[in-house]
PDB file of N, CA and C in Angstrom:
ATOM      1  N   MET A   1      99.981 115.483 158.468  1.00  0.00           N
ATOM      2  CA  MET A   1      99.758 115.648 159.893  1.00  0.00           C
ATOM      3  C   MET A   1      98.670 116.706 160.085  1.00  0.00           C
ATOM      4  N   VAL A   2      97.802 116.464 161.007  1.00  0.00           N
ATOM      5  CA  VAL A   2      96.721 117.392 161.311  1.00  0.00           C
ATOM      6  C   VAL A   2      97.147 118.288 162.465  1.00  0.00           C
ATOM      7  N   HIS A   3      96.897 119.582 162.320  1.00  0.00           N
ATOM      8  CA  HIS A   3      97.184 120.546 163.377  1.00  0.00           C
ATOM      9  C   HIS A   3      95.872 120.999 163.980  1.00  0.00           C
ATOM     10  N   CYS A   4      95.879 121.329 165.254  1.00  0.00           N
ATOM     11  CA  CYS A   4      94.699 121.873 165.914  1.00  0.00           C
ATOM     12  C   CYS A   4      94.402 123.256 165.333  1.00  0.00           C
ATOM     13  N   PRO A   5      93.156 123.509 164.897  1.00  0.00           N
ATOM     14  CA  PRO A   5      92.838 124.827 164.336  1.00  0.00           C
ATOM     15  C   PRO A   5      92.800 125.927 165.389  1.00  0.00           C
ATOM     16  N   ASN A   6      92.779 125.553 166.656  1.00  0.00           N
ATOM     17  CA  ASN A   6      92.713 126.538 167.736  1.00  0.00           C
ATOM     18  C   ASN A   6      94.094 126.945 168.234  1.00  0.00           C
ATOM     19  N   CYS A   7      94.929 125.975 168.559  1.00  0.00           N
ATOM     20  CA  CYS A   7      96.235 126.288 169.156  1.00  0.00           C
ATOM     21  C   CYS A   7      97.423 125.873 168.285  1.00  0.00           C
ATOM     22  N   SER A   8      97.167 125.227 167.157  1.00  0.00           N
ATOM     23  CA  SER A   8      98.186 124.756 166.212  1.00  0.00           C
ATOM     24  C   SER A   8      99.051 123.624 166.751  1.00  0.00           C
ATOM     25  N   LEU A   9      98.603 122.950 167.809  1.00  0.00           N
ATOM     26  CA  LEU A   9      99.335 121.804 168.336  1.00  0.00           C
ATOM     27  C   LEU A   9      99.410 120.724 167.267  1.00  0.00           C
ATOM     28  N   LYS A  10     100.582 120.137 167.080  1.00  0.00           N
ATOM     29  CA  LYS A  10     100.784 119.122 166.057  1.00  0.00           C
ATOM     30  C   LYS A  10     100.592 117.710 166.603  1.00  0.00           C
ATOM     31  N   ASP A  11     100.787 117.516 167.886  1.00  0.00           N
ATOM     32  CA  ASP A  11     100.742 116.189 168.490  1.00  0.00           C
ATOM     33  C   ASP A  11      99.336 115.888 169.013  1.00  0.00           C
ATOM     34  N   LEU A  12      98.417 115.593 168.087  1.00  0.00           N
ATOM     35  CA  LEU A  12      97.044 115.290 168.467  1.00  0.00           C
ATOM     36  C   LEU A  12      96.895 113.798 168.722  1.00  0.00           C
ATOM     37  N   GLY A  13      95.985 113.448 169.628  1.00  0.00           N
ATOM     38  CA  GLY A  13      95.700 112.047 169.876  1.00  0.00           C
ATOM     39  C   GLY A  13      94.685 111.540 168.870  1.00  0.00           C
ATOM     40  N   LYS A  14      94.924 110.374 168.309  1.00  0.00           N
ATOM     41  CA  LYS A  14      93.992 109.791 167.349  1.00  0.00           C
ATOM     42  C   LYS A  14      93.006 108.930 168.131  1.00  0.00           C
ATOM     43  N   ILE A  15      91.706 109.239 167.999  1.00  0.00           N
ATOM     44  CA  ILE A  15      90.692 108.511 168.763  1.00  0.00           C
ATOM     45  C   ILE A  15      89.734 107.737 167.858  1.00  0.00           C
ATOM     46  N   GLY A  16      89.906 107.821 166.566  1.00  0.00           N
ATOM     47  CA  GLY A  16      89.087 107.102 165.598  1.00  0.00           C
ATOM     48  C   GLY A  16      89.734 107.181 164.234  1.00  0.00           C
ATOM     49  N   SER A  17      89.078 106.585 163.230  1.00  0.00           N
ATOM     50  CA  SER A  17      89.686 106.550 161.897  1.00  0.00           C
ATOM     51  C   SER A  17      89.892 107.946 161.313  1.00  0.00           C
ATOM     52  N   SER A  18      89.017 108.885 161.627  1.00  0.00           N
ATOM     53  CA  SER A  18      89.186 110.260 161.156  1.00  0.00           C
ATOM     54  C   SER A  18      88.911 111.255 162.276  1.00  0.00           C
ATOM     55  N   GLN A  19      89.152 110.829 163.504  1.00  0.00           N
ATOM     56  CA  GLN A  19      88.887 111.667 164.674  1.00  0.00           C
ATOM     57  C   GLN A  19      90.164 111.850 165.487  1.00  0.00           C
ATOM     58  N   TYR A  20      90.382 113.097 165.925  1.00  0.00           N
ATOM     59  CA  TYR A  20      91.567 113.439 166.702  1.00  0.00           C
ATOM     60  C   TYR A  20      91.145 114.245 167.926  1.00  0.00           C
ATOM     61  N   TYR A  21      92.027 114.277 168.933  1.00  0.00           N
ATOM     62  CA  TYR A  21      91.748 115.018 170.164  1.00  0.00           C
ATOM     63  C   TYR A  21      92.946 115.889 170.482  1.00  0.00           C
ATOM     64  N   CYS A  22      92.689 117.179 170.726  1.00  0.00           N
ATOM     65  CA  CYS A  22      93.758 118.094 171.121  1.00  0.00           C
ATOM     66  C   CYS A  22      93.854 118.093 172.638  1.00  0.00           C
ATOM     67  N   TRP A  23      94.984 117.662 173.134  1.00  0.00           N
ATOM     68  CA  TRP A  23      95.189 117.569 174.581  1.00  0.00           C
ATOM     69  C   TRP A  23      95.325 118.943 175.224  1.00  0.00           C
ATOM     70  N   ARG A  24      95.752 119.938 174.483  1.00  0.00           N
ATOM     71  CA  ARG A  24      95.909 121.283 175.031  1.00  0.00           C
ATOM     72  C   ARG A  24      94.556 122.004 175.133  1.00  0.00           C
ATOM     73  N   CYS A  25      93.742 121.905 174.098  1.00  0.00           N
ATOM     74  CA  CYS A  25      92.456 122.629 174.048  1.00  0.00           C
ATOM     75  C   CYS A  25      91.276 121.797 174.536  1.00  0.00           C
ATOM     76  N   CYS A  26      91.477 120.483 174.620  1.00  0.00           N
ATOM     77  CA  CYS A  26      90.401 119.556 174.996  1.00  0.00           C
ATOM     78  C   CYS A  26      89.236 119.630 174.012  1.00  0.00           C
ATOM     79  N   ILE A  27      89.566 119.634 172.705  1.00  0.00           N
ATOM     80  CA  ILE A  27      88.542 119.624 171.668  1.00  0.00           C
ATOM     81  C   ILE A  27      88.755 118.418 170.763  1.00  0.00           C
ATOM     82  N   GLU A  28      87.667 117.973 170.154  1.00  0.00           N
ATOM     83  CA  GLU A  28      87.717 116.865 169.210  1.00  0.00           C
ATOM     84  C   GLU A  28      87.677 117.429 167.793  1.00  0.00           C
ATOM     85  N   ILE A  29      88.484 116.860 166.923  1.00  0.00           N
ATOM     86  CA  ILE A  29      88.599 117.321 165.543  1.00  0.00           C
ATOM     87  C   ILE A  29      88.278 116.143 164.638  1.00  0.00           C
ATOM     88  N   VAL A  30      87.334 116.352 163.717  1.00  0.00           N
ATOM     89  CA  VAL A  30      86.909 115.292 162.813  1.00  0.00           C
ATOM     90  C   VAL A  30      87.205 115.716 161.381  1.00  0.00           C
ATOM     91  N   LEU A  31      87.895 114.857 160.642  1.00  0.00           N
ATOM     92  CA  LEU A  31      88.182 115.115 159.235  1.00  0.00           C
ATOM     93  C   LEU A  31      86.949 114.746 158.419  1.00  0.00           C
ATOM     94  N   GLN A  32      86.449 115.696 157.637  1.00  0.00           N
ATOM     95  CA  GLN A  32      85.283 115.470 156.783  1.00  0.00           C
ATOM     96  C   GLN A  32      85.594 116.023 155.406  1.00  0.00           C
ATOM     97  N   GLY A  33      86.066 115.158 154.529  1.00  0.00           N
ATOM     98  CA  GLY A  33      86.443 115.596 153.190  1.00  0.00           C
ATOM     99  C   GLY A  33      87.635 116.534 153.253  1.00  0.00           C
ATOM    100  N   GLU A  34      87.470 117.747 152.727  1.00  0.00           N
ATOM    101  CA  GLU A  34      88.553 118.732 152.719  1.00  0.00           C
ATOM    102  C   GLU A  34      88.474 119.701 153.885  1.00  0.00           C
ATOM    103  N   HIS A  35      87.564 119.475 154.818  1.00  0.00           N
ATOM    104  CA  HIS A  35      87.404 120.366 155.953  1.00  0.00           C
ATOM    105  C   HIS A  35      87.431 119.597 157.273  1.00  0.00           C
ATOM    106  N   LEU A  36      87.722 120.325 158.318  1.00  0.00           N
ATOM    107  CA  LEU A  36      87.687 119.789 159.674  1.00  0.00           C
ATOM    108  C   LEU A  36      86.412 120.273 160.355  1.00  0.00           C
ATOM    109  N   SER A  37      85.863 119.439 161.199  1.00  0.00           N
ATOM    110  CA  SER A  37      84.797 119.875 162.093  1.00  0.00           C
ATOM    111  C   SER A  37      85.374 119.828 163.497  1.00  0.00           C
ATOM    112  N   VAL A  38      85.053 120.833 164.299  1.00  0.00           N
ATOM    113  CA  VAL A  38      85.634 120.974 165.629  1.00  0.00           C
ATOM    114  C   VAL A  38      84.518 120.898 166.657  1.00  0.00           C
ATOM    115  N   PHE A  39      84.744 120.115 167.711  1.00  0.00           N
ATOM    116  CA  PHE A  39      83.729 119.906 168.734  1.00  0.00           C
ATOM    117  C   PHE A  39      84.315 120.064 170.129  1.00  0.00           C
ATOM    118  N   GLU A  40      83.506 120.581 171.026  1.00  0.00           N
ATOM    119  CA  GLU A  40      83.837 120.616 172.447  1.00  0.00           C
ATOM    120  C   GLU A  40      83.195 119.389 173.081  1.00  0.00           C
ATOM    121  N   VAL A  41      83.945 118.703 173.929  1.00  0.00           N
ATOM    122  CA  VAL A  41      83.411 117.545 174.630  1.00  0.00           C
ATOM    123  C   VAL A  41      82.798 118.040 175.938  1.00  0.00           C
ATOM    124  N   GLU A  42      81.488 117.834 176.073  1.00  0.00           N
ATOM    125  CA  GLU A  42      80.764 118.283 177.263  1.00  0.00           C
ATOM    126  C   GLU A  42      80.995 117.313 178.425  1.00  0.00           C
ATOM    127  N   GLU A  43      80.616 117.716 179.631  1.00  0.00           N
ATOM    128  CA  GLU A  43      80.802 116.886 180.821  1.00  0.00           C
ATOM    129  C   GLU A  43      80.128 115.527 180.711  1.00  0.00           C
ATOM    130  N   ASP A  44      78.974 115.482 180.018  1.00  0.00           N
ATOM    131  CA  ASP A  44      78.246 114.220 179.886  1.00  0.00           C
ATOM    132  C   ASP A  44      78.746 113.372 178.715  1.00  0.00           C
ATOM    133  N   GLY A  45      79.791 113.829 178.025  1.00  0.00           N
ATOM    134  CA  GLY A  45      80.366 113.092 176.914  1.00  0.00           C
ATOM    135  C   GLY A  45      79.798 113.468 175.556  1.00  0.00           C
ATOM    136  N   SER A  46      78.766 114.296 175.533  1.00  0.00           N
ATOM    137  CA  SER A  46      78.198 114.725 174.255  1.00  0.00           C
ATOM    138  C   SER A  46      79.114 115.754 173.606  1.00  0.00           C
ATOM    139  N   LEU A  47      78.911 115.979 172.317  1.00  0.00           N
ATOM    140  CA  LEU A  47      79.740 116.912 171.569  1.00  0.00           C
ATOM    141  C   LEU A  47      78.933 118.130 171.164  1.00  0.00           C
ATOM    142  N   SER A  48      79.532 119.303 171.288  1.00  0.00           N
ATOM    143  CA  SER A  48      78.930 120.555 170.838  1.00  0.00           C
ATOM    144  C   SER A  48      79.825 121.131 169.744  1.00  0.00           C
ATOM    145  N   SER A  49      79.230 121.443 168.606  1.00  0.00           N
ATOM    146  CA  SER A  49      79.998 121.956 167.478  1.00  0.00           C
ATOM    147  C   SER A  49      80.590 123.328 167.794  1.00  0.00           C
ATOM    148  N   LEU A  50      81.847 123.501 167.395  1.00  0.00           N
ATOM    149  CA  LEU A  50      82.540 124.780 167.511  1.00  0.00           C
ATOM    150  C   LEU A  50      82.851 125.352 166.131  1.00  0.00           C
ATOM    151  N   ASP A  51      82.257 124.758 165.094  1.00  0.00           N
ATOM    152  CA  ASP A  51      82.552 125.188 163.724  1.00  0.00           C
ATOM    153  C   ASP A  51      82.250 126.661 163.489  1.00  0.00           C
ATOM    154  N   ASP A  52      81.254 127.191 164.188  1.00  0.00           N
ATOM    155  CA  ASP A  52      80.902 128.599 163.984  1.00  0.00           C
ATOM    156  C   ASP A  52      81.962 129.553 164.531  1.00  0.00           C
ATOM    157  N   LEU A  53      82.902 129.055 165.325  1.00  0.00           N
ATOM    158  CA  LEU A  53      83.977 129.892 165.864  1.00  0.00           C
ATOM    159  C   LEU A  53      85.165 130.006 164.921  1.00  0.00           C
ATOM    160  N   PHE A  54      85.206 129.149 163.899  1.00  0.00           N
ATOM    161  CA  PHE A  54      86.318 129.115 162.954  1.00  0.00           C
ATOM    162  C   PHE A  54      85.781 129.362 161.553  1.00  0.00           C
ATOM    163  N   SER A  55      86.523 130.126 160.769  1.00  0.00           N
ATOM    164  CA  SER A  55      86.119 130.357 159.383  1.00  0.00           C
ATOM    165  C   SER A  55      86.323 129.074 158.574  1.00  0.00           C
ATOM    166  N   ALA A  56      85.689 129.016 157.418  1.00  0.00           N
ATOM    167  CA  ALA A  56      85.862 127.861 156.541  1.00  0.00           C
ATOM    168  C   ALA A  56      87.330 127.712 156.145  1.00  0.00           C
ATOM    169  N   GLU A  57      88.028 128.829 155.964  1.00  0.00           N
ATOM    170  CA  GLU A  57      89.448 128.785 155.608  1.00  0.00           C
ATOM    171  C   GLU A  57      90.284 128.196 156.741  1.00  0.00           C
ATOM    172  N   GLU A  58      89.970 128.537 157.982  1.00  0.00           N
ATOM    173  CA  GLU A  58      90.707 127.996 159.123  1.00  0.00           C
ATOM    174  C   GLU A  58      90.477 126.500 159.277  1.00  0.00           C
ATOM    175  N   ARG A  59      89.332 126.016 158.824  1.00  0.00           N
ATOM    176  CA  ARG A  59      89.010 124.597 158.955  1.00  0.00           C
ATOM    177  C   ARG A  59      89.343 123.790 157.702  1.00  0.00           C
ATOM    178  N   ARG A  60      89.887 124.450 156.676  1.00  0.00           N
ATOM    179  CA  ARG A  60      90.230 123.763 155.430  1.00  0.00           C
ATOM    180  C   ARG A  60      91.543 123.022 155.593  1.00  0.00           C
ATOM    181  N   ILE A  61      91.612 121.831 155.037  1.00  0.00           N
ATOM    182  CA  ILE A  61      92.844 121.049 155.044  1.00  0.00           C
ATOM    183  C   ILE A  61      93.643 121.465 153.823  1.00  0.00           C
ATOM    184  N   VAL A  62      94.830 121.984 154.062  1.00  0.00           N
ATOM    185  CA  VAL A  62      95.710 122.444 152.991  1.00  0.00           C
ATOM    186  C   VAL A  62      96.722 121.345 152.728  1.00  0.00           C
ATOM    187  N   THR A  63      96.845 120.948 151.478  1.00  0.00           N
ATOM    188  CA  THR A  63      97.816 119.906 151.159  1.00  0.00           C
ATOM    189  C   THR A  63      99.059 120.538 150.554  1.00  0.00           C
ATOM    190  N   GLU A  64     100.188 120.210 151.136  1.00  0.00           N
ATOM    191  CA  GLU A  64     101.493 120.604 150.624  1.00  0.00           C
ATOM    192  C   GLU A  64     102.280 119.314 150.486  1.00  0.00           C
ATOM    193  N   GLU A  65     102.358 118.810 149.271  1.00  0.00           N
ATOM    194  CA  GLU A  65     102.954 117.510 149.019  1.00  0.00           C
ATOM    195  C   GLU A  65     102.226 116.426 149.823  1.00  0.00           C
ATOM    196  N   ASN A  66     100.928 116.613 150.004  1.00  0.00           N
ATOM    197  CA  ASN A  66      99.982 115.667 150.568  1.00  0.00           C
ATOM    198  C   ASN A  66      99.910 115.561 152.089  1.00  0.00           C
ATOM    199  N   PRO A  67     100.665 116.294 152.920  1.00  0.00           N
ATOM    200  CA  PRO A  67     100.371 116.212 154.347  1.00  0.00           C
ATOM    201  C   PRO A  67      99.115 117.018 154.650  1.00  0.00           C
ATOM    202  N   GLN A  68      98.375 116.595 155.642  1.00  0.00           N
ATOM    203  CA  GLN A  68      97.171 117.320 156.041  1.00  0.00           C
ATOM    204  C   GLN A  68      97.595 118.372 157.056  1.00  0.00           C
ATOM    205  N   LEU A  69      97.325 119.625 156.725  1.00  0.00           N
ATOM    206  CA  LEU A  69      97.808 120.724 157.546  1.00  0.00           C
ATOM    207  C   LEU A  69      96.751 121.799 157.582  1.00  0.00           C
ATOM    208  N   ILE A  70      96.432 122.277 158.750  1.00  0.00           N
ATOM    209  CA  ILE A  70      95.488 123.380 158.891  1.00  0.00           C
ATOM    210  C   ILE A  70      96.281 124.559 159.473  1.00  0.00           C
ATOM    211  N   GLN A  71      96.110 125.714 158.873  1.00  0.00           N
ATOM    212  CA  GLN A  71      96.824 126.904 159.340  1.00  0.00           C
ATOM    213  C   GLN A  71      95.819 127.938 159.802  1.00  0.00           C
ATOM    214  N   LYS A  72      96.112 128.552 160.903  1.00  0.00           N
ATOM    215  CA  LYS A  72      95.268 129.627 161.401  1.00  0.00           C
ATOM    216  C   LYS A  72      95.436 130.847 160.521  1.00  0.00           C
ATOM    217  N   ALA A  73      94.416 131.657 160.479  1.00  0.00           N
ATOM    218  CA  ALA A  73      94.459 132.889 159.686  1.00  0.00           C
ATOM    219  C   ALA A  73      95.557 133.819 160.192  1.00  0.00           C
ATOM    220  N   SER A  74      95.961 133.657 161.446  1.00  0.00           N
ATOM    221  CA  SER A  74      97.006 134.509 162.010  1.00  0.00           C
ATOM    222  C   SER A  74      98.391 134.150 161.462  1.00  0.00           C
ATOM    223  N   GLY A  75      98.473 133.063 160.726  1.00  0.00           N
ATOM    224  CA  GLY A  75      99.744 132.682 160.125  1.00  0.00           C
ATOM    225  C   GLY A  75     100.587 131.752 160.963  1.00  0.00           C
ATOM    226  N   ARG A  76     100.069 131.251 162.075  1.00  0.00           N
ATOM    227  CA  ARG A  76     100.836 130.334 162.909  1.00  0.00           C
ATOM    228  C   ARG A  76     100.844 128.951 162.336  1.00  0.00           C
TER     229      ARG A  76
END
């Protein structure tokens, strides 16, 4: 299961084969290999990268018996 790297919400909407949407933060999350890319959806529908706001560790997919899980550095 993929968690939002911003708010740790577990119930993300799936909008593509490797794309998810956080309903709480209104951000799009894309799985790219072992890392997540995070985007803000602009008013015109374009995407702006938010990757610079999160460390590589915060965007890393951690596997524990193979579930996809992202944990914030704060430990949430």
